Amino acid sequence: MHRAKITSKGQITIPKAIRDKLGLRQGDELVFRETTAGYLIEKQIPESPFDKHIGSLAHLKDRNSDILIEEIRGR
C-alpha cells in the first residue's frame, strides 16, 4: 500500500514505485474519473497529431504508389 499527503496547495507526490509502474514523467497529465467504488486515476494518453488523418487517403487505395509519387512530382 502506498500513501501520499496533500499539501496546503492541494498537491501530492505520487510515490516513485507508482510513477515507475505507470510510466509517469514530468509534465504528464492525469485524469480523475468518478466510479461507484470511488475515484480512478489514469494517465492521460495524448492524441497523436496524425490520428485526424487516418483514412483520408482511402480513395487512393487501389492506385499504384509509384505512379502517385510521379504524379505528385510532376513527371
N, C-alpha and C. Protein backbone atom coordinates (compact mmCIF):
# COMPACT_ATOMS: atom_id res chain seq x y z
N MET A 1 0.85 -1.18 0.00
CA MET A 1 0.00 0.00 0.00
C MET A 1 0.89 1.23 0.00
N HIS A 2 0.53 2.21 -0.81
CA HIS A 2 1.26 3.47 -0.88
C HIS A 2 0.36 4.59 -0.37
N ARG A 3 0.98 5.58 0.23
CA ARG A 3 0.22 6.72 0.77
C ARG A 3 0.87 8.02 0.33
N ALA A 4 0.07 9.07 0.28
CA ALA A 4 0.57 10.41 -0.02
C ALA A 4 -0.26 11.41 0.76
N LYS A 5 0.37 12.51 1.17
CA LYS A 5 -0.35 13.57 1.87
C LYS A 5 -0.57 14.73 0.92
N ILE A 6 -1.66 15.43 1.14
CA ILE A 6 -1.98 16.61 0.34
C ILE A 6 -1.36 17.83 1.02
N THR A 7 -0.67 18.66 0.20
CA THR A 7 -0.06 19.88 0.74
C THR A 7 -1.13 20.96 0.89
N SER A 8 -0.74 22.08 1.46
CA SER A 8 -1.67 23.20 1.63
C SER A 8 -2.13 23.75 0.28
N LYS A 9 -1.37 23.49 -0.78
CA LYS A 9 -1.74 23.94 -2.13
C LYS A 9 -2.56 22.88 -2.87
N GLY A 10 -2.90 21.76 -2.21
CA GLY A 10 -3.69 20.72 -2.84
C GLY A 10 -2.88 19.78 -3.70
N GLN A 11 -1.56 19.76 -3.52
CA GLN A 11 -0.69 18.91 -4.33
C GLN A 11 -0.31 17.65 -3.56
N ILE A 12 0.00 16.60 -4.34
CA ILE A 12 0.52 15.37 -3.73
C ILE A 12 1.75 14.94 -4.51
N THR A 13 2.58 14.14 -3.87
CA THR A 13 3.69 13.50 -4.57
C THR A 13 3.31 12.04 -4.76
N ILE A 14 3.30 11.61 -6.01
CA ILE A 14 2.97 10.21 -6.30
C ILE A 14 4.21 9.38 -5.99
N PRO A 15 4.07 8.35 -5.18
CA PRO A 15 5.24 7.53 -4.84
C PRO A 15 5.98 7.03 -6.08
N LYS A 16 7.30 6.98 -5.99
CA LYS A 16 8.15 6.62 -7.12
C LYS A 16 7.78 5.27 -7.71
N ALA A 17 7.48 4.29 -6.88
CA ALA A 17 7.13 2.96 -7.38
C ALA A 17 5.91 3.03 -8.31
N ILE A 18 4.94 3.86 -7.97
CA ILE A 18 3.74 4.01 -8.79
C ILE A 18 4.07 4.77 -10.06
N ARG A 19 4.85 5.85 -9.95
CA ARG A 19 5.26 6.61 -11.14
C ARG A 19 5.99 5.71 -12.13
N ASP A 20 6.89 4.88 -11.61
CA ASP A 20 7.64 3.97 -12.48
C ASP A 20 6.72 2.94 -13.14
N LYS A 21 5.82 2.38 -12.38
CA LYS A 21 4.91 1.35 -12.90
C LYS A 21 4.00 1.92 -13.98
N LEU A 22 3.54 3.16 -13.81
CA LEU A 22 2.64 3.79 -14.78
C LEU A 22 3.38 4.52 -15.89
N GLY A 23 4.70 4.61 -15.76
CA GLY A 23 5.48 5.33 -16.78
C GLY A 23 5.23 6.83 -16.75
N LEU A 24 4.95 7.37 -15.57
CA LEU A 24 4.67 8.80 -15.44
C LEU A 24 5.97 9.60 -15.45
N ARG A 25 5.92 10.71 -16.18
CA ARG A 25 7.07 11.61 -16.25
C ARG A 25 6.61 13.03 -16.00
N GLN A 26 7.55 13.90 -15.75
CA GLN A 26 7.23 15.31 -15.51
C GLN A 26 6.43 15.85 -16.69
N GLY A 27 5.36 16.53 -16.41
CA GLY A 27 4.52 17.12 -17.45
C GLY A 27 3.37 16.24 -17.90
N ASP A 28 3.37 14.95 -17.54
CA ASP A 28 2.26 14.08 -17.90
C ASP A 28 0.98 14.55 -17.20
N GLU A 29 -0.14 14.30 -17.84
CA GLU A 29 -1.43 14.67 -17.25
C GLU A 29 -2.14 13.43 -16.74
N LEU A 30 -2.88 13.61 -15.65
CA LEU A 30 -3.67 12.53 -15.07
C LEU A 30 -5.15 12.89 -15.21
N VAL A 31 -5.98 11.86 -15.35
CA VAL A 31 -7.42 12.02 -15.44
C VAL A 31 -8.03 11.37 -14.20
N PHE A 32 -8.95 12.07 -13.56
CA PHE A 32 -9.65 11.56 -12.38
C PHE A 32 -11.08 11.22 -12.80
N ARG A 33 -11.46 9.94 -12.70
CA ARG A 33 -12.80 9.50 -13.07
C ARG A 33 -13.53 9.00 -11.83
N GLU A 34 -14.75 9.48 -11.66
CA GLU A 34 -15.57 9.02 -10.53
C GLU A 34 -16.24 7.71 -10.93
N THR A 35 -16.14 6.71 -10.06
CA THR A 35 -16.80 5.43 -10.27
C THR A 35 -17.68 5.15 -9.05
N THR A 36 -18.45 4.09 -9.12
CA THR A 36 -19.30 3.74 -7.97
C THR A 36 -18.46 3.31 -6.78
N ALA A 37 -17.23 2.84 -7.04
CA ALA A 37 -16.35 2.37 -5.97
C ALA A 37 -15.45 3.47 -5.42
N GLY A 38 -15.43 4.63 -6.07
CA GLY A 38 -14.55 5.72 -5.65
C GLY A 38 -14.02 6.45 -6.87
N TYR A 39 -12.76 6.85 -6.81
CA TYR A 39 -12.15 7.56 -7.93
C TYR A 39 -11.06 6.71 -8.56
N LEU A 40 -10.97 6.79 -9.87
CA LEU A 40 -9.96 6.09 -10.64
C LEU A 40 -9.04 7.16 -11.23
N ILE A 41 -7.74 7.00 -11.06
CA ILE A 41 -6.76 7.95 -11.59
C ILE A 41 -6.01 7.25 -12.72
N GLU A 42 -6.03 7.89 -13.89
CA GLU A 42 -5.39 7.31 -15.07
C GLU A 42 -4.44 8.31 -15.71
N LYS A 43 -3.42 7.79 -16.37
CA LYS A 43 -2.53 8.63 -17.14
C LYS A 43 -3.26 9.03 -18.42
N GLN A 44 -3.26 10.32 -18.73
CA GLN A 44 -3.87 10.81 -19.96
C GLN A 44 -2.95 10.47 -21.12
N ILE A 45 -3.44 9.71 -22.08
CA ILE A 45 -2.66 9.37 -23.26
C ILE A 45 -2.95 10.43 -24.31
N PRO A 46 -1.92 11.19 -24.69
CA PRO A 46 -2.16 12.27 -25.66
C PRO A 46 -2.56 11.70 -27.02
N GLU A 47 -3.45 12.42 -27.70
CA GLU A 47 -3.87 12.02 -29.02
C GLU A 47 -2.75 12.33 -30.01
N SER A 48 -2.50 11.43 -30.91
CA SER A 48 -1.47 11.63 -31.93
C SER A 48 -1.95 12.70 -32.90
N PRO A 49 -1.06 13.61 -33.32
CA PRO A 49 -1.47 14.61 -34.31
C PRO A 49 -1.80 13.97 -35.66
N PHE A 50 -1.43 12.71 -35.84
CA PHE A 50 -1.70 12.03 -37.11
C PHE A 50 -3.05 11.32 -37.11
N ASP A 51 -3.66 11.12 -35.94
CA ASP A 51 -4.93 10.40 -35.85
C ASP A 51 -6.01 11.02 -36.73
N LYS A 52 -6.02 12.34 -36.85
CA LYS A 52 -7.07 13.00 -37.62
C LYS A 52 -6.96 12.72 -39.12
N HIS A 53 -5.83 12.18 -39.56
CA HIS A 53 -5.63 11.90 -40.98
C HIS A 53 -5.90 10.45 -41.36
N ILE A 54 -6.21 9.61 -40.38
CA ILE A 54 -6.46 8.20 -40.67
C ILE A 54 -7.64 8.08 -41.63
N GLY A 55 -7.42 7.38 -42.72
CA GLY A 55 -8.48 7.16 -43.71
C GLY A 55 -8.62 8.26 -44.74
N SER A 56 -7.85 9.34 -44.63
CA SER A 56 -8.03 10.45 -45.56
C SER A 56 -7.55 10.14 -46.97
N LEU A 57 -6.78 9.08 -47.14
CA LEU A 57 -6.31 8.69 -48.48
C LEU A 57 -6.98 7.41 -48.97
N ALA A 58 -8.09 7.06 -48.35
CA ALA A 58 -8.78 5.81 -48.70
C ALA A 58 -9.19 5.78 -50.17
N HIS A 59 -9.46 6.93 -50.75
CA HIS A 59 -9.87 6.97 -52.15
C HIS A 59 -8.72 6.61 -53.10
N LEU A 60 -7.50 6.53 -52.58
CA LEU A 60 -6.33 6.18 -53.40
C LEU A 60 -5.86 4.74 -53.17
N LYS A 61 -6.62 3.94 -52.47
CA LYS A 61 -6.15 2.62 -52.04
C LYS A 61 -5.84 1.67 -53.20
N ASP A 62 -6.48 1.84 -54.33
CA ASP A 62 -6.24 0.93 -55.45
C ASP A 62 -5.20 1.47 -56.43
N ARG A 63 -4.63 2.63 -56.13
CA ARG A 63 -3.67 3.25 -57.04
C ARG A 63 -2.26 2.75 -56.74
N ASN A 64 -1.42 2.69 -57.75
CA ASN A 64 -0.02 2.29 -57.61
C ASN A 64 0.75 3.45 -56.98
N SER A 65 1.45 3.19 -55.89
CA SER A 65 2.15 4.26 -55.16
C SER A 65 3.26 4.90 -56.00
N ASP A 66 3.93 4.13 -56.83
CA ASP A 66 4.98 4.71 -57.68
C ASP A 66 4.40 5.72 -58.67
N ILE A 67 3.26 5.39 -59.23
CA ILE A 67 2.60 6.31 -60.17
C ILE A 67 2.12 7.56 -59.44
N LEU A 68 1.57 7.39 -58.25
CA LEU A 68 1.12 8.56 -57.47
C LEU A 68 2.29 9.50 -57.18
N ILE A 69 3.42 8.95 -56.80
CA ILE A 69 4.59 9.79 -56.49
C ILE A 69 5.05 10.52 -57.74
N GLU A 70 5.05 9.84 -58.90
CA GLU A 70 5.44 10.51 -60.14
C GLU A 70 4.46 11.64 -60.48
N GLU A 71 3.17 11.43 -60.24
CA GLU A 71 2.18 12.48 -60.49
C GLU A 71 2.40 13.69 -59.57
N ILE A 72 2.71 13.42 -58.32
CA ILE A 72 2.94 14.50 -57.35
C ILE A 72 4.18 15.31 -57.75
N ARG A 73 5.20 14.62 -58.20
CA ARG A 73 6.46 15.29 -58.57
C ARG A 73 6.38 15.93 -59.94
N GLY A 74 5.32 15.67 -60.68
CA GLY A 74 5.14 16.32 -61.98
C GLY A 74 5.89 15.66 -63.12
N ARG A 75 6.15 14.40 -63.01
CA ARG A 75 6.85 13.69 -64.10
C ARG A 75 5.89 13.09 -65.08
